[in-house]
Amino acid sequence: MYRKFMKSWRQYLRSWYMFFFSLPTPLPEWALAGNDYFMLDYLYRTGDGRPLLADEHMEAYKYTFQHNGLTAPLNWYRANLAGRQKGSTIVVENGGRAPECPDLVNQYMRKFLTHHSL
């Protein structure tokens, strides 16, 4: 993965956060948690400044990270960037509820898994 980014300096400079978050120190955790998780607000915005998440969803993330910490998700990120993470993670969000159309969801998952190596 690292070699892909090194091929393009422009992409390398745009990906500064990947290397920052992979630091094996508490510095990324402190930076993300500082100023009421301002960096999360910043990272979850489009290029023109519009939020990617609704306010109540962002507050839910902040609440969760405030109570559970950021080390576990950052360790997953660090392992993935270093190539130590085996396979891929698929996250399907639905507020903890069962999908409304489980057969359709399963159909799409099977199609995806058929065409992608995990």
Protein backbone atom coordinates (compact mmCIF):
# COMPACT_ATOMS: atom_id res chain seq x y z
CA MET A 1 0.00 0.00 0.00
CA TYR A 2 2.82 2.39 0.92
CA ARG A 3 4.41 2.00 -2.52
CA LYS A 4 1.19 3.07 -4.22
CA PHE A 5 1.25 6.40 -2.39
CA MET A 6 4.93 6.98 -3.03
CA LYS A 7 4.34 6.87 -6.81
CA SER A 8 2.50 10.17 -6.67
CA TRP A 9 3.85 12.99 -4.51
CA ARG A 10 0.57 14.82 -4.84
CA GLN A 11 -1.32 11.86 -3.37
CA TYR A 12 1.40 11.38 -0.77
CA LEU A 13 0.95 14.95 0.46
CA ARG A 14 -2.83 14.54 0.51
CA SER A 15 -2.45 11.38 2.61
CA TRP A 16 -0.49 12.99 5.46
CA TYR A 17 -3.14 11.92 7.95
CA MET A 18 -2.53 8.22 7.25
CA PHE A 19 1.05 8.51 8.43
CA PHE A 20 0.13 10.74 11.35
CA PHE A 21 -2.51 8.28 12.61
CA SER A 22 -0.09 5.39 12.25
CA LEU A 23 2.34 6.87 14.79
CA PRO A 24 2.72 4.37 17.66
CA THR A 25 2.36 7.08 20.28
CA PRO A 26 -0.65 8.63 22.01
CA LEU A 27 -0.17 11.78 19.90
CA PRO A 28 -2.87 10.87 17.31
CA GLU A 29 -5.32 10.03 20.11
CA TRP A 30 -4.63 13.37 21.81
CA ALA A 31 -4.94 15.28 18.54
CA LEU A 32 -8.27 13.66 17.67
CA ALA A 33 -9.71 14.15 21.17
CA GLY A 34 -8.55 17.75 21.56
CA ASN A 35 -10.96 20.68 21.38
CA ASP A 36 -14.08 18.46 21.62
CA TYR A 37 -12.92 16.16 18.80
CA PHE A 38 -12.59 19.07 16.38
CA MET A 39 -10.38 17.00 14.07
CA LEU A 40 -13.22 14.51 13.59
CA ASP A 41 -15.49 17.39 12.59
CA TYR A 42 -12.80 18.53 10.16
CA LEU A 43 -12.15 15.08 8.65
CA TYR A 44 -15.84 14.32 8.16
CA ARG A 45 -16.46 17.22 5.79
CA THR A 46 -16.51 17.46 2.02
CA GLY A 47 -13.97 19.53 0.12
CA ASP A 48 -16.30 22.51 0.19
CA GLY A 49 -16.89 22.25 3.96
CA ARG A 50 -20.26 20.50 4.09
CA PRO A 51 -20.57 17.87 6.85
CA LEU A 52 -20.66 14.22 5.77
CA LEU A 53 -22.60 13.16 8.86
CA ALA A 54 -25.68 14.58 10.52
CA ASP A 55 -24.95 16.44 13.77
CA GLU A 56 -26.58 13.75 15.90
CA HIS A 57 -24.42 11.05 14.27
CA MET A 58 -21.24 13.04 14.84
CA GLU A 59 -22.23 13.57 18.47
CA ALA A 60 -22.80 9.82 18.84
CA TYR A 61 -19.27 9.17 17.53
CA LYS A 62 -17.82 11.74 19.91
CA TYR A 63 -19.72 10.28 22.85
CA THR A 64 -18.53 6.76 22.02
CA PHE A 65 -14.90 7.79 21.60
CA GLN A 66 -15.01 9.88 24.77
CA HIS A 67 -16.15 6.87 26.79
CA ASN A 68 -14.25 4.09 24.99
CA GLY A 69 -11.17 5.90 23.73
CA LEU A 70 -9.63 6.02 20.28
CA THR A 71 -6.78 3.55 20.69
CA ALA A 72 -8.68 0.47 19.44
CA PRO A 73 -9.89 2.02 16.16
CA LEU A 74 -6.51 3.63 15.57
CA ASN A 75 -4.74 0.31 16.23
CA TRP A 76 -6.91 -1.31 13.55
CA TYR A 77 -5.96 1.54 11.22
CA ARG A 78 -2.28 1.19 12.12
CA ALA A 79 -2.30 -2.57 11.50
CA ASN A 80 -4.16 -2.14 8.22
CA LEU A 81 -1.72 0.49 6.98
CA ALA A 82 1.26 -1.65 7.98
CA GLY A 83 -0.20 -4.64 6.15
CA ARG A 84 -0.69 -6.68 9.33
CA GLN A 85 -4.49 -6.69 9.09
CA LYS A 86 -5.69 -9.90 7.46
CA GLY A 87 -8.68 -9.64 5.17
CA SER A 88 -11.06 -6.74 4.92
CA THR A 89 -13.70 -5.36 7.18
CA ILE A 90 -17.18 -4.70 5.90
CA VAL A 91 -19.37 -2.46 8.01
CA VAL A 92 -23.08 -2.37 7.36
CA GLU A 93 -24.78 0.39 9.29
CA ASN A 94 -28.44 0.17 10.12
CA GLY A 95 -28.69 1.57 13.62
CA GLY A 96 -28.38 -1.87 15.19
CA ARG A 97 -31.66 -3.01 13.61
CA ALA A 98 -32.14 -5.99 11.34
CA PRO A 99 -32.15 -5.00 7.66
CA GLU A 100 -35.56 -4.31 6.18
CA CYS A 101 -34.83 -6.60 3.23
CA PRO A 102 -32.44 -9.29 4.54
CA ASP A 103 -32.68 -11.40 1.39
CA LEU A 104 -31.69 -8.44 -0.78
CA VAL A 105 -28.82 -7.51 1.57
CA ASN A 106 -27.58 -11.10 1.49
CA GLN A 107 -27.83 -11.15 -2.31
CA TYR A 108 -25.69 -8.01 -2.60
CA MET A 109 -23.19 -9.34 -0.05
CA ARG A 110 -22.83 -12.63 -1.95
CA LYS A 111 -22.35 -10.74 -5.22
CA PHE A 112 -19.72 -8.49 -3.64
CA LEU A 113 -17.87 -11.40 -2.02
CA THR A 114 -17.90 -13.36 -5.28
CA HIS A 115 -16.10 -10.57 -7.08
CA HIS A 116 -13.75 -9.38 -4.33
CA SER A 117 -11.03 -11.20 -2.46
CA LEU A 118 -11.11 -10.64 1.28
